[in-house]
Amino acid sequence: MPVGTKGLFPDDLDKLTDAELAEQLKNCKAELFNLRFSAATGQLEDHGRLKAVRRDIARIYTIAHERELNIRTAPAEK
């Protein structure tokens, strides 16, 4: 099973609009900041979560870039 957060796999990200994708990116970056802060203060219990969140951010950036290059298409607006 790939490392990552449930709901943030490429199939799930394809279903999100560009605005929702940007919101997910913002949330992941905030979580990564908090995890790094916890790690620096010695309070982090799940070190694997750092790797998972970094990969989630990379997935989001990849989907966004592929949409810019018209490799993937965003879902139609509702």
C-alpha atoms as a PDB file:
ATOM      1  CA  MET A   1       0.000   0.000   0.000  1.00  0.00           C
ATOM      2  CA  PRO A   2       1.429   3.395  -0.888  1.00  0.00           C
ATOM      3  CA  VAL A   3       2.328   5.822   1.843  1.00  0.00           C
ATOM      4  CA  GLY A   4      -0.140   8.653   2.157  1.00  0.00           C
ATOM      5  CA  THR A   5      -3.324   9.919   3.666  1.00  0.00           C
ATOM      6  CA  LYS A   6      -6.611   8.211   2.968  1.00  0.00           C
ATOM      7  CA  GLY A   7      -8.526  10.296   0.444  1.00  0.00           C
ATOM      8  CA  LEU A   8      -5.433  11.836  -1.106  1.00  0.00           C
ATOM      9  CA  PHE A   9      -4.595   9.225  -3.709  1.00  0.00           C
ATOM     10  CA  PRO A  10      -4.466  10.291  -7.385  1.00  0.00           C
ATOM     11  CA  ASP A  11      -7.915   8.855  -8.144  1.00  0.00           C
ATOM     12  CA  ASP A  12      -9.402  10.871  -5.292  1.00  0.00           C
ATOM     13  CA  LEU A  13      -7.502  14.043  -6.226  1.00  0.00           C
ATOM     14  CA  ASP A  14      -8.731  13.821  -9.814  1.00  0.00           C
ATOM     15  CA  LYS A  15     -12.276  14.322  -8.546  1.00  0.00           C
ATOM     16  CA  LEU A  16     -11.402  17.647  -6.861  1.00  0.00           C
ATOM     17  CA  THR A  17     -11.710  21.025  -8.542  1.00  0.00           C
ATOM     18  CA  ASP A  18      -8.726  23.353  -8.706  1.00  0.00           C
ATOM     19  CA  ALA A  19     -10.004  25.363  -5.729  1.00  0.00           C
ATOM     20  CA  GLU A  20     -10.489  22.231  -3.634  1.00  0.00           C
ATOM     21  CA  LEU A  21      -7.029  21.025  -4.647  1.00  0.00           C
ATOM     22  CA  ALA A  22      -5.531  24.335  -3.489  1.00  0.00           C
ATOM     23  CA  GLU A  23      -7.392  24.010  -0.183  1.00  0.00           C
ATOM     24  CA  GLN A  24      -6.048  20.465   0.312  1.00  0.00           C
ATOM     25  CA  LEU A  25      -2.528  21.750  -0.386  1.00  0.00           C
ATOM     26  CA  LYS A  26      -2.971  24.495   2.193  1.00  0.00           C
ATOM     27  CA  ASN A  27      -4.182  21.980   4.794  1.00  0.00           C
ATOM     28  CA  CYS A  28      -1.309  19.577   4.095  1.00  0.00           C
ATOM     29  CA  LYS A  29       1.280  22.340   4.362  1.00  0.00           C
ATOM     30  CA  ALA A  30      -0.195  23.455   7.688  1.00  0.00           C
ATOM     31  CA  GLU A  31      -0.106  19.869   8.959  1.00  0.00           C
ATOM     32  CA  LEU A  32       3.508  19.473   7.817  1.00  0.00           C
ATOM     33  CA  PHE A  33       4.464  22.657   9.659  1.00  0.00           C
ATOM     34  CA  ASN A  34       2.842  21.370  12.846  1.00  0.00           C
ATOM     35  CA  LEU A  35       4.524  17.985  12.481  1.00  0.00           C
ATOM     36  CA  ARG A  36       7.934  19.589  11.974  1.00  0.00           C
ATOM     37  CA  PHE A  37       7.367  21.785  15.008  1.00  0.00           C
ATOM     38  CA  SER A  38       6.431  18.741  17.089  1.00  0.00           C
ATOM     39  CA  ALA A  39       9.494  16.874  15.843  1.00  0.00           C
ATOM     40  CA  ALA A  40      11.767  19.777  16.753  1.00  0.00           C
ATOM     41  CA  THR A  41      10.397  19.920  20.288  1.00  0.00           C
ATOM     42  CA  GLY A  42      10.580  16.150  20.726  1.00  0.00           C
ATOM     43  CA  GLN A  43       6.823  15.636  21.005  1.00  0.00           C
ATOM     44  CA  LEU A  44       6.244  13.800  17.713  1.00  0.00           C
ATOM     45  CA  GLU A  45       5.045  10.235  18.216  1.00  0.00           C
ATOM     46  CA  ASP A  46       4.434   9.100  14.634  1.00  0.00           C
ATOM     47  CA  HIS A  47       7.527   9.891  12.564  1.00  0.00           C
ATOM     48  CA  GLY A  48       6.095   8.110   9.530  1.00  0.00           C
ATOM     49  CA  ARG A  49       3.437  10.788   9.303  1.00  0.00           C
ATOM     50  CA  LEU A  50       6.075  13.300   8.143  1.00  0.00           C
ATOM     51  CA  LYS A  51       6.862  11.137   5.126  1.00  0.00           C
ATOM     52  CA  ALA A  52       3.168  10.584   4.374  1.00  0.00           C
ATOM     53  CA  VAL A  53       2.327  14.300   4.425  1.00  0.00           C
ATOM     54  CA  ARG A  54       5.344  15.185   2.249  1.00  0.00           C
ATOM     55  CA  ARG A  55       4.194  12.624  -0.306  1.00  0.00           C
ATOM     56  CA  ASP A  56       0.639  13.975  -0.159  1.00  0.00           C
ATOM     57  CA  ILE A  57       1.954  17.451  -0.961  1.00  0.00           C
ATOM     58  CA  ALA A  58       3.984  16.046  -3.857  1.00  0.00           C
ATOM     59  CA  ARG A  59       0.895  14.263  -5.211  1.00  0.00           C
ATOM     60  CA  ILE A  60      -1.134  17.466  -5.092  1.00  0.00           C
ATOM     61  CA  TYR A  61       1.601  19.417  -6.877  1.00  0.00           C
ATOM     62  CA  THR A  62       1.850  16.684  -9.523  1.00  0.00           C
ATOM     63  CA  ILE A  63      -1.895  16.687 -10.216  1.00  0.00           C
ATOM     64  CA  ALA A  64      -1.930  20.492 -10.422  1.00  0.00           C
ATOM     65  CA  HIS A  65       1.037  20.555 -12.821  1.00  0.00           C
ATOM     66  CA  GLU A  66      -0.467  17.856 -15.023  1.00  0.00           C
ATOM     67  CA  ARG A  67      -3.651  19.910 -15.237  1.00  0.00           C
ATOM     68  CA  GLU A  68      -1.617  22.931 -16.351  1.00  0.00           C
ATOM     69  CA  LEU A  69      -0.053  20.800 -19.097  1.00  0.00           C
ATOM     70  CA  ASN A  70      -3.479  19.399 -20.088  1.00  0.00           C
ATOM     71  CA  ILE A  71      -2.388  15.862 -19.257  1.00  0.00           C
ATOM     72  CA  ARG A  72      -5.238  15.607 -16.756  1.00  0.00           C
ATOM     73  CA  THR A  73      -8.454  17.511 -16.765  1.00  0.00           C
ATOM     74  CA  ALA A  74     -10.245  19.054 -13.822  1.00  0.00           C
ATOM     75  CA  PRO A  75     -13.824  17.920 -13.205  1.00  0.00           C
ATOM     76  CA  ALA A  76     -16.584  20.112 -14.624  1.00  0.00           C
ATOM     77  CA  GLU A  77     -17.840  22.820 -12.312  1.00  0.00           C
ATOM     78  CA  LYS A  78     -21.152  22.050 -10.658  1.00  0.00           C
END
